[in-house]
C-alpha atoms as a PDB file:
ATOM      1  CA  MET A   1       0.000   0.000   0.000  1.00  0.00           C
ATOM      2  CA  SER A   2       1.381   3.437  -0.931  1.00  0.00           C
ATOM      3  CA  ASP A   3       2.268   6.072   1.639  1.00  0.00           C
ATOM      4  CA  SER A   4      -0.675   8.252   0.473  1.00  0.00           C
ATOM      5  CA  LEU A   5      -3.137   5.422   1.017  1.00  0.00           C
ATOM      6  CA  GLN A   6      -1.596   4.685   4.398  1.00  0.00           C
ATOM      7  CA  ALA A   7      -2.033   8.345   5.320  1.00  0.00           C
ATOM      8  CA  MET A   8      -5.670   8.253   4.210  1.00  0.00           C
ATOM      9  CA  LYS A   9      -6.274   5.161   6.299  1.00  0.00           C
ATOM     10  CA  SER A  10      -4.859   6.894   9.341  1.00  0.00           C
ATOM     11  CA  THR A  11      -6.859  10.098   8.770  1.00  0.00           C
ATOM     12  CA  PRO A  12     -10.041  10.407  10.847  1.00  0.00           C
ATOM     13  CA  LEU A  13     -13.209  10.200   8.776  1.00  0.00           C
ATOM     14  CA  LYS A  14     -15.588  13.136   8.801  1.00  0.00           C
ATOM     15  CA  SER A  15     -19.289  12.747   8.164  1.00  0.00           C
ATOM     16  CA  THR A  16     -21.413  15.305   6.346  1.00  0.00           C
ATOM     17  CA  GLN A  17     -25.082  14.294   6.360  1.00  0.00           C
ATOM     18  CA  GLY A  18     -24.142  10.698   5.763  1.00  0.00           C
ATOM     19  CA  TRP A  19     -21.420  11.447   3.230  1.00  0.00           C
ATOM     20  CA  ILE A  20     -17.912  10.406   4.276  1.00  0.00           C
ATOM     21  CA  THR A  21     -14.778  12.341   3.392  1.00  0.00           C
ATOM     22  CA  PHE A  22     -11.084  12.201   4.278  1.00  0.00           C
ATOM     23  CA  ARG A  23     -10.771  15.950   3.670  1.00  0.00           C
ATOM     24  CA  THR A  24     -10.116  18.124   6.685  1.00  0.00           C
ATOM     25  CA  ASP A  25      -9.956  21.493   4.889  1.00  0.00           C
ATOM     26  CA  ALA A  26     -12.871  23.869   4.341  1.00  0.00           C
ATOM     27  CA  TRP A  27     -14.032  22.006   1.211  1.00  0.00           C
ATOM     28  CA  TRP A  28     -17.569  23.315   1.647  1.00  0.00           C
ATOM     29  CA  VAL A  29     -16.594  26.934   0.900  1.00  0.00           C
ATOM     30  CA  GLU A  30     -16.494  26.528  -2.898  1.00  0.00           C
ATOM     31  CA  PRO A  31     -19.913  24.815  -3.223  1.00  0.00           C
ATOM     32  CA  LEU A  32     -21.397  27.405  -0.849  1.00  0.00           C
ATOM     33  CA  LEU A  33     -20.051  30.317  -2.899  1.00  0.00           C
ATOM     34  CA  THR A  34     -21.300  28.647  -6.069  1.00  0.00           C
ATOM     35  CA  LEU A  35     -24.740  28.279  -4.509  1.00  0.00           C
ATOM     36  CA  ILE A  36     -24.836  31.946  -3.514  1.00  0.00           C
ATOM     37  CA  ILE A  37     -23.515  33.359  -6.806  1.00  0.00           C
ATOM     38  CA  LEU A  38     -25.499  31.134  -9.171  1.00  0.00           C
ATOM     39  CA  GLY A  39     -28.621  31.487  -7.051  1.00  0.00           C
ATOM     40  CA  SER A  40     -28.299  35.274  -6.972  1.00  0.00           C
ATOM     41  CA  PHE A  41     -27.699  35.444 -10.714  1.00  0.00           C
ATOM     42  CA  GLY A  42     -30.720  33.242 -11.395  1.00  0.00           C
ATOM     43  CA  MET A  43     -32.992  35.408  -9.261  1.00  0.00           C
ATOM     44  CA  TYR A  44     -31.711  38.644 -10.778  1.00  0.00           C
ATOM     45  CA  ALA A  45     -31.897  37.386 -14.364  1.00  0.00           C
ATOM     46  CA  THR A  46     -35.483  36.209 -13.801  1.00  0.00           C
ATOM     47  CA  TRP A  47     -36.461  39.559 -12.301  1.00  0.00           C
ATOM     48  CA  ALA A  48     -34.749  41.555 -15.053  1.00  0.00           C
ATOM     49  CA  ALA A  49     -36.287  39.438 -17.820  1.00  0.00           C
ATOM     50  CA  LEU A  50     -39.809  40.041 -16.495  1.00  0.00           C
ATOM     51  CA  GLN A  51     -39.479  43.832 -16.260  1.00  0.00           C
ATOM     52  CA  GLY A  52     -39.773  44.716 -19.941  1.00  0.00           C
ATOM     53  CA  VAL A  53     -38.637  48.309 -19.271  1.00  0.00           C
ATOM     54  CA  ASN A  54     -35.364  50.247 -18.953  1.00  0.00           C
ATOM     55  CA  TYR A  55     -33.472  47.738 -21.090  1.00  0.00           C
ATOM     56  CA  GLN A  56     -32.385  50.272 -23.723  1.00  0.00           C
ATOM     57  CA  TRP A  57     -30.804  53.699 -23.639  1.00  0.00           C
ATOM     58  CA  GLY A  58     -29.607  55.418 -26.780  1.00  0.00           C
ATOM     59  CA  PRO A  59     -27.621  52.813 -28.740  1.00  0.00           C
ATOM     60  CA  TYR A  60     -27.173  50.659 -25.617  1.00  0.00           C
ATOM     61  CA  LEU A  61     -29.205  47.451 -25.395  1.00  0.00           C
ATOM     62  CA  SER A  62     -29.159  45.057 -22.454  1.00  0.00           C
ATOM     63  CA  PRO A  63     -27.801  41.632 -23.475  1.00  0.00           C
ATOM     64  CA  PHE A  64     -30.803  40.061 -21.736  1.00  0.00           C
ATOM     65  CA  TYR A  65     -33.019  41.674 -24.382  1.00  0.00           C
ATOM     66  CA  SER A  66     -30.850  41.059 -27.435  1.00  0.00           C
ATOM     67  CA  PRO A  67     -31.900  40.757 -30.191  1.00  0.00           C
ATOM     68  CA  ASN A  68     -34.408  43.592 -29.845  1.00  0.00           C
ATOM     69  CA  LEU A  69     -37.463  41.698 -31.071  1.00  0.00           C
ATOM     70  CA  VAL A  70     -39.693  44.797 -30.920  1.00  0.00           C
ATOM     71  CA  GLU A  71     -37.294  46.666 -33.218  1.00  0.00           C
ATOM     72  CA  TRP A  72     -36.551  43.745 -35.541  1.00  0.00           C
ATOM     73  CA  PHE A  73     -40.096  42.380 -35.841  1.00  0.00           C
ATOM     74  CA  PRO A  74     -42.516  45.205 -34.940  1.00  0.00           C
ATOM     75  CA  GLN A  75     -45.391  43.516 -36.752  1.00  0.00           C
ATOM     76  CA  TRP A  76     -45.149  40.532 -34.393  1.00  0.00           C
ATOM     77  CA  PHE A  77     -43.885  41.990 -31.137  1.00  0.00           C
ATOM     78  CA  GLY A  78     -44.937  45.633 -31.343  1.00  0.00           C
ATOM     79  CA  SER A  79     -47.982  44.915 -29.186  1.00  0.00           C
ATOM     80  CA  TRP A  80     -46.480  41.962 -27.324  1.00  0.00           C
ATOM     81  CA  PRO A  81     -47.997  42.040 -23.797  1.00  0.00           C
ATOM     82  CA  PHE A  82     -45.041  40.314 -22.140  1.00  0.00           C
ATOM     83  CA  SER A  83     -41.377  41.122 -21.774  1.00  0.00           C
ATOM     84  CA  PRO A  84     -39.503  40.067 -24.952  1.00  0.00           C
ATOM     85  CA  ALA A  85     -36.680  38.709 -22.790  1.00  0.00           C
ATOM     86  CA  VAL A  86     -38.792  35.669 -21.858  1.00  0.00           C
ATOM     87  CA  LEU A  87     -38.409  34.506 -25.469  1.00  0.00           C
ATOM     88  CA  ILE A  88     -34.665  35.218 -25.590  1.00  0.00           C
ATOM     89  CA  LEU A  89     -33.162  34.064 -22.300  1.00  0.00           C
ATOM     90  CA  PRO A  90     -34.133  30.367 -22.615  1.00  0.00           C
ATOM     91  CA  PHE A  91     -31.490  29.918 -25.350  1.00  0.00           C
ATOM     92  CA  PRO A  92     -28.423  31.100 -23.383  1.00  0.00           C
ATOM     93  CA  LEU A  93     -29.957  29.564 -20.245  1.00  0.00           C
ATOM     94  CA  VAL A  94     -30.052  26.076 -21.779  1.00  0.00           C
ATOM     95  CA  PHE A  95     -26.481  26.484 -23.003  1.00  0.00           C
ATOM     96  CA  ARG A  96     -25.216  27.439 -19.548  1.00  0.00           C
ATOM     97  CA  ALA A  97     -27.364  24.980 -17.621  1.00  0.00           C
ATOM     98  CA  THR A  98     -26.079  22.053 -19.697  1.00  0.00           C
ATOM     99  CA  CYS A  99     -22.446  23.282 -19.784  1.00  0.00           C
ATOM    100  CA  TYR A 100     -20.018  20.633 -18.542  1.00  0.00           C
ATOM    101  CA  TYR A 101     -18.505  22.968 -15.973  1.00  0.00           C
ATOM    102  CA  TYR A 102     -21.827  24.260 -14.664  1.00  0.00           C
ATOM    103  CA  ARG A 103     -23.153  20.722 -14.307  1.00  0.00           C
ATOM    104  CA  LYS A 104     -20.394  19.959 -11.842  1.00  0.00           C
ATOM    105  CA  ALA A 105     -20.935  23.298 -10.118  1.00  0.00           C
ATOM    106  CA  TYR A 106     -24.649  22.964  -9.460  1.00  0.00           C
ATOM    107  CA  TYR A 107     -24.597  19.203  -8.868  1.00  0.00           C
ATOM    108  CA  ARG A 108     -22.265  19.842  -5.945  1.00  0.00           C
ATOM    109  CA  SER A 109     -23.759  23.092  -4.659  1.00  0.00           C
ATOM    110  CA  PHE A 110     -27.519  22.893  -5.278  1.00  0.00           C
ATOM    111  CA  PHE A 111     -28.021  19.127  -5.245  1.00  0.00           C
ATOM    112  CA  THR A 112     -25.084  18.173  -2.951  1.00  0.00           C
ATOM    113  CA  SER A 113     -24.635  15.066  -5.031  1.00  0.00           C
ATOM    114  CA  PRO A 114     -21.959  14.640  -3.874  1.00  0.00           C
ATOM    115  CA  PRO A 115     -20.876  17.648  -1.814  1.00  0.00           C
ATOM    116  CA  ALA A 116     -17.390  18.493  -3.129  1.00  0.00           C
ATOM    117  CA  CYS A 117     -15.159  15.395  -2.960  1.00  0.00           C
ATOM    118  CA  ALA A 118     -17.176  13.492  -0.389  1.00  0.00           C
ATOM    119  CA  VAL A 119     -18.175   9.898  -1.164  1.00  0.00           C
ATOM    120  CA  ASP A 120     -20.837   7.625   0.287  1.00  0.00           C
ATOM    121  CA  ILE A 121     -18.696   4.675   1.335  1.00  0.00           C
ATOM    122  CA  THR A 122     -21.301   3.546   3.874  1.00  0.00           C
ATOM    123  CA  GLY A 123     -24.229   3.376   1.470  1.00  0.00           C
ATOM    124  CA  GLN A 124     -26.317   5.151   4.095  1.00  0.00           C
ATOM    125  CA  ALA A 125     -26.233   8.763   2.942  1.00  0.00           C
ATOM    126  CA  PRO A 126     -29.711  10.321   2.956  1.00  0.00           C
ATOM    127  CA  LYS A 127     -31.415  10.534  -0.423  1.00  0.00           C
ATOM    128  CA  SER A 128     -33.137  13.854  -0.990  1.00  0.00           C
ATOM    129  CA  PRO A 129     -35.598  14.219  -3.900  1.00  0.00           C
ATOM    130  CA  LEU A 130     -32.960  16.173  -5.834  1.00  0.00           C
ATOM    131  CA  ALA A 131     -30.336  13.518  -5.201  1.00  0.00           C
ATOM    132  CA  LEU A 132     -32.763  10.878  -6.440  1.00  0.00           C
ATOM    133  CA  LEU A 133     -33.402  13.015  -9.523  1.00  0.00           C
ATOM    134  CA  LEU A 134     -29.670  12.915 -10.213  1.00  0.00           C
ATOM    135  CA  GLY A 135     -29.643   9.143 -10.177  1.00  0.00           C
ATOM    136  CA  GLN A 136     -28.261   8.666  -6.680  1.00  0.00           C
ATOM    137  CA  GLY A 137     -31.050   6.303  -5.718  1.00  0.00           C
ATOM    138  CA  LYS A 138     -31.449   2.717  -6.856  1.00  0.00           C
ATOM    139  CA  GLY A 139     -29.143   1.936  -9.757  1.00  0.00           C
ATOM    140  CA  TYR A 140     -27.041   4.971 -10.634  1.00  0.00           C
ATOM    141  CA  THR A 141     -27.501   5.846 -14.307  1.00  0.00           C
ATOM    142  CA  GLY A 142     -25.683   9.171 -14.473  1.00  0.00           C
ATOM    143  CA  GLU A 143     -26.606  11.093 -17.626  1.00  0.00           C
ATOM    144  CA  THR A 144     -27.617   8.049 -19.653  1.00  0.00           C
ATOM    145  CA  ALA A 145     -31.289   7.985 -18.664  1.00  0.00           C
ATOM    146  CA  PHE A 146     -34.136  10.472 -18.209  1.00  0.00           C
ATOM    147  CA  PRO A 147     -34.090  13.179 -17.006  1.00  0.00           C
ATOM    148  CA  LEU A 148     -30.338  13.832 -17.092  1.00  0.00           C
ATOM    149  CA  ILE A 149     -29.964  12.519 -20.615  1.00  0.00           C
ATOM    150  CA  LEU A 150     -31.444  15.887 -21.573  1.00  0.00           C
ATOM    151  CA  GLN A 151     -28.043  17.366 -20.706  1.00  0.00           C
ATOM    152  CA  ASN A 152     -26.990  16.186 -24.161  1.00  0.00           C
ATOM    153  CA  ALA A 153     -28.914  19.194 -25.486  1.00  0.00           C
ATOM    154  CA  HIS A 154     -25.715  21.131 -24.790  1.00  0.00           C
ATOM    155  CA  ARG A 155     -24.172  20.192 -28.126  1.00  0.00           C
ATOM    156  CA  TYR A 156     -27.205  21.643 -29.930  1.00  0.00           C
ATOM    157  CA  ALA A 157     -27.538  24.665 -27.645  1.00  0.00           C
ATOM    158  CA  PHE A 158     -24.016  25.601 -28.705  1.00  0.00           C
ATOM    159  CA  TYR A 159     -25.234  26.560 -32.186  1.00  0.00           C
ATOM    160  CA  PHE A 160     -27.715  29.060 -30.734  1.00  0.00           C
ATOM    161  CA  ALA A 161     -25.108  30.376 -28.289  1.00  0.00           C
ATOM    162  CA  ALA A 162     -22.649  30.959 -31.144  1.00  0.00           C
ATOM    163  CA  LEU A 163     -25.336  32.818 -33.120  1.00  0.00           C
ATOM    164  CA  PHE A 164     -25.986  35.079 -30.144  1.00  0.00           C
ATOM    165  CA  ILE A 165     -22.311  36.066 -30.051  1.00  0.00           C
ATOM    166  CA  PHE A 166     -22.667  37.603 -33.512  1.00  0.00           C
ATOM    167  CA  ILE A 167     -25.905  39.337 -32.515  1.00  0.00           C
ATOM    168  CA  LEU A 168     -24.300  40.756 -29.374  1.00  0.00           C
ATOM    169  CA  GLY A 169     -21.292  41.767 -31.446  1.00  0.00           C
ATOM    170  CA  TYR A 170     -23.631  43.770 -33.672  1.00  0.00           C
ATOM    171  CA  ASP A 171     -25.098  45.417 -30.573  1.00  0.00           C
ATOM    172  CA  ALA A 172     -21.601  46.267 -29.323  1.00  0.00           C
ATOM    173  CA  ILE A 173     -20.762  47.982 -32.624  1.00  0.00           C
ATOM    174  CA  LYS A 174     -24.035  49.920 -32.491  1.00  0.00           C
ATOM    175  CA  ALA A 175     -23.102  51.111 -29.001  1.00  0.00           C
ATOM    176  CA  TYR A 176     -20.528  53.418 -30.639  1.00  0.00           C
ATOM    177  CA  VAL A 177     -22.932  54.906 -33.190  1.00  0.00           C
ATOM    178  CA  TRP A 178     -24.931  57.887 -31.893  1.00  0.00           C
ATOM    179  CA  THR A 179     -27.290  60.232 -33.690  1.00  0.00           C
ATOM    180  CA  ASP A 180     -24.535  62.866 -33.792  1.00  0.00           C
ATOM    181  CA  GLY A 181     -21.773  60.530 -34.943  1.00  0.00           C
ATOM    182  CA  PHE A 182     -19.230  58.060 -33.598  1.00  0.00           C
ATOM    183  CA  HIS A 183     -18.560  58.291 -29.876  1.00  0.00           C
ATOM    184  CA  VAL A 184     -17.123  56.091 -27.145  1.00  0.00           C
ATOM    185  CA  GLY A 185     -19.035  56.011 -23.905  1.00  0.00           C
ATOM    186  CA  VAL A 186     -18.505  53.933 -20.793  1.00  0.00           C
ATOM    187  CA  GLY A 187     -21.496  51.833 -21.852  1.00  0.00           C
ATOM    188  CA  SER A 188     -19.854  51.209 -25.226  1.00  0.00           C
ATOM    189  CA  LEU A 189     -16.897  49.610 -23.474  1.00  0.00           C
ATOM    190  CA  VAL A 190     -19.129  47.682 -21.066  1.00  0.00           C
ATOM    191  CA  LEU A 191     -21.020  46.050 -23.938  1.00  0.00           C
ATOM    192  CA  THR A 192     -17.811  45.384 -25.876  1.00  0.00           C
ATOM    193  CA  ILE A 193     -16.198  43.640 -22.909  1.00  0.00           C
ATOM    194  CA  ASN A 194     -19.427  41.701 -22.457  1.00  0.00           C
ATOM    195  CA  VAL A 195     -19.418  40.194 -25.942  1.00  0.00           C
ATOM    196  CA  ALA A 196     -15.682  39.487 -25.680  1.00  0.00           C
ATOM    197  CA  LEU A 197     -16.118  37.511 -22.447  1.00  0.00           C
ATOM    198  CA  LEU A 198     -19.183  35.700 -23.753  1.00  0.00           C
ATOM    199  CA  GLY A 199     -17.279  34.852 -26.922  1.00  0.00           C
ATOM    200  CA  LEU A 200     -14.378  33.428 -24.921  1.00  0.00           C
ATOM    201  CA  TYR A 201     -16.779  31.384 -22.815  1.00  0.00           C
ATOM    202  CA  THR A 202     -18.739  30.113 -25.812  1.00  0.00           C
ATOM    203  CA  PHE A 203     -15.764  29.228 -27.998  1.00  0.00           C
ATOM    204  CA  SER A 204     -13.798  27.643 -25.167  1.00  0.00           C
ATOM    205  CA  CYS A 205     -16.698  25.207 -24.881  1.00  0.00           C
ATOM    206  CA  HIS A 206     -16.145  21.452 -25.095  1.00  0.00           C
ATOM    207  CA  SER A 207     -18.771  21.204 -27.844  1.00  0.00           C
ATOM    208  CA  TRP A 208     -16.817  23.581 -30.078  1.00  0.00           C
ATOM    209  CA  ARG A 209     -13.635  21.655 -29.307  1.00  0.00           C
ATOM    210  CA  HIS A 210     -15.342  18.446 -30.391  1.00  0.00           C
ATOM    211  CA  LEU A 211     -16.577  20.011 -33.629  1.00  0.00           C
ATOM    212  CA  LEU A 212     -13.084  21.261 -34.462  1.00  0.00           C
ATOM    213  CA  GLY A 213     -11.261  17.985 -34.059  1.00  0.00           C
ATOM    214  CA  GLY A 214     -12.729  15.705 -31.465  1.00  0.00           C
ATOM    215  CA  CYS A 215     -14.849  13.755 -33.915  1.00  0.00           C
ATOM    216  CA  ILE A 216     -12.065  12.629 -36.283  1.00  0.00           C
ATOM    217  CA  ASP A 217      -9.933   9.520 -35.895  1.00  0.00           C
ATOM    218  CA  CYS A 218      -6.894  10.549 -37.925  1.00  0.00           C
ATOM    219  CA  PHE A 219      -5.160  13.894 -37.533  1.00  0.00           C
ATOM    220  CA  SER A 220      -2.668  13.456 -40.379  1.00  0.00           C
ATOM    221  CA  CYS A 221      -4.638  11.687 -43.101  1.00  0.00           C
ATOM    222  CA  ASP A 222      -5.028  14.754 -45.296  1.00  0.00           C
ATOM    223  CA  LYS A 223      -4.652  18.525 -45.282  1.00  0.00           C
ATOM    224  CA  MET A 224      -8.110  19.133 -43.861  1.00  0.00           C
ATOM    225  CA  THR A 225      -7.605  16.885 -40.848  1.00  0.00           C
ATOM    226  CA  GLN A 226      -4.207  18.496 -40.224  1.00  0.00           C
ATOM    227  CA  VAL A 227      -5.814  21.947 -40.231  1.00  0.00           C
ATOM    228  CA  ARG A 228      -8.556  20.748 -37.904  1.00  0.00           C
ATOM    229  CA  HIS A 229      -5.967  19.241 -35.595  1.00  0.00           C
ATOM    230  CA  LYS A 230      -4.127  22.552 -35.352  1.00  0.00           C
ATOM    231  CA  ALA A 231      -7.401  24.352 -34.648  1.00  0.00           C
ATOM    232  CA  TRP A 232      -8.262  21.736 -32.024  1.00  0.00           C
ATOM    233  CA  GLU A 233      -4.883  22.231 -30.320  1.00  0.00           C
ATOM    234  CA  ARG A 234      -5.280  25.996 -30.216  1.00  0.00           C
ATOM    235  CA  GLN A 235      -8.845  25.792 -28.930  1.00  0.00           C
ATOM    236  CA  SER A 236      -7.646  23.440 -26.208  1.00  0.00           C
ATOM    237  CA  LEU A 237      -5.675  26.362 -24.762  1.00  0.00           C
ATOM    238  CA  LEU A 238      -8.946  28.250 -24.365  1.00  0.00           C
ATOM    239  CA  ASN A 239     -10.696  25.151 -23.072  1.00  0.00           C
ATOM    240  CA  GLU A 240      -8.268  25.012 -20.148  1.00  0.00           C
ATOM    241  CA  LYS A 241      -9.665  28.393 -18.995  1.00  0.00           C
ATOM    242  CA  HIS A 242     -13.309  27.494 -19.578  1.00  0.00           C
ATOM    243  CA  MET A 243     -14.197  27.730 -15.886  1.00  0.00           C
ATOM    244  CA  GLN A 244     -12.689  31.215 -15.556  1.00  0.00           C
ATOM    245  CA  PHE A 245     -14.454  32.411 -18.705  1.00  0.00           C
ATOM    246  CA  ALA A 246     -17.718  30.921 -17.413  1.00  0.00           C
ATOM    247  CA  TRP A 247     -17.612  32.951 -14.201  1.00  0.00           C
ATOM    248  CA  ALA A 248     -16.273  36.147 -15.748  1.00  0.00           C
ATOM    249  CA  SER A 249     -18.907  36.172 -18.498  1.00  0.00           C
ATOM    250  CA  LEU A 250     -21.713  35.324 -16.057  1.00  0.00           C
ATOM    251  CA  LEU A 251     -20.903  38.216 -13.743  1.00  0.00           C
ATOM    252  CA  TRP A 252     -20.227  40.676 -16.573  1.00  0.00           C
ATOM    253  CA  VAL A 253     -23.439  39.943 -18.474  1.00  0.00           C
ATOM    254  CA  ALA A 254     -25.377  40.685 -15.281  1.00  0.00           C
ATOM    255  CA  PHE A 255     -23.373  43.887 -14.786  1.00  0.00           C
ATOM    256  CA  SER A 256     -24.059  44.904 -18.403  1.00  0.00           C
ATOM    257  CA  ASP A 257     -27.800  44.626 -17.826  1.00  0.00           C
ATOM    258  CA  ILE A 258     -27.498  46.537 -14.544  1.00  0.00           C
ATOM    259  CA  TYR A 259     -25.477  49.272 -16.246  1.00  0.00           C
ATOM    260  CA  VAL A 260     -27.964  49.805 -19.077  1.00  0.00           C
ATOM    261  CA  ARG A 261     -30.911  49.558 -16.664  1.00  0.00           C
ATOM    262  CA  LEU A 262     -29.550  52.157 -14.234  1.00  0.00           C
ATOM    263  CA  VAL A 263     -28.457  54.543 -16.984  1.00  0.00           C
ATOM    264  CA  SER A 264     -31.868  54.222 -18.649  1.00  0.00           C
ATOM    265  CA  SER A 265     -33.684  54.888 -15.361  1.00  0.00           C
ATOM    266  CA  GLY A 266     -31.504  57.929 -14.600  1.00  0.00           C
ATOM    267  CA  VAL A 267     -29.720  56.464 -11.582  1.00  0.00           C
ATOM    268  CA  TRP A 268     -26.312  56.365 -13.281  1.00  0.00           C
ATOM    269  CA  THR A 269     -24.797  58.786 -15.771  1.00  0.00           C
ATOM    270  CA  ASP A 270     -23.088  57.414 -18.859  1.00  0.00           C
ATOM    271  CA  TYR A 271     -19.926  59.400 -19.433  1.00  0.00           C
ATOM    272  CA  ARG A 272     -18.787  59.977 -22.983  1.00  0.00           C
ATOM    273  CA  LEU A 273     -15.042  59.397 -23.196  1.00  0.00           C
ATOM    274  CA  PHE A 274     -14.580  60.858 -26.687  1.00  0.00           C
END
């Protein structure tokens, strides 16, 4: 037996609601922070999407309301009685909710299945309804059976997420075009940084990595596979930072909506830089 295993054997076990772990550090801090941040974002995004007001000021458009359906399709949404964001947010929501990183994050924090690196070596950990939903009851099936097989929608949600990057890029360009000419305001930079972070998050995704080169068996068979292999290698550098891009883009997209909302409602002043 190795020294590390011997050390684990000699380490006192700690129990957390029936889960057993050898860890003695504050492992619960990360899942707790994830619970607070993701929960807060979810509540704010839901509230903001239902408002239907103060989502546009001058050339600035909140990313929660992009594309501007009222402006693009006035004949359909000009008299729409509900907030247009309720038709837009489901697309990026599905992409994030099924993201490989976010699955791990909310499995551990919201569902505590398992909490951090704890394991049920006793077989007696309590089974909450959410844990049972995740397949922790009789016969663990992971993401191969309903309902978690629906997580496979991620590969298809990627196409919509990629399309939204171009739409948000268009909005970012418009943020520099005012009625009296080209100007750079603080909001212009906020929306530009927003699309940049969302682009990094989207195109560091595992689904994009698979499309580039993960689905081919030979990397040197012809010129095309060689090109795809190079692209796959370069995207892998972004993929290593996928978690960081996920958090940065999540927080910044919320800030972008807050910025436009507060400027539109007169609480904040948008300063024109030049």
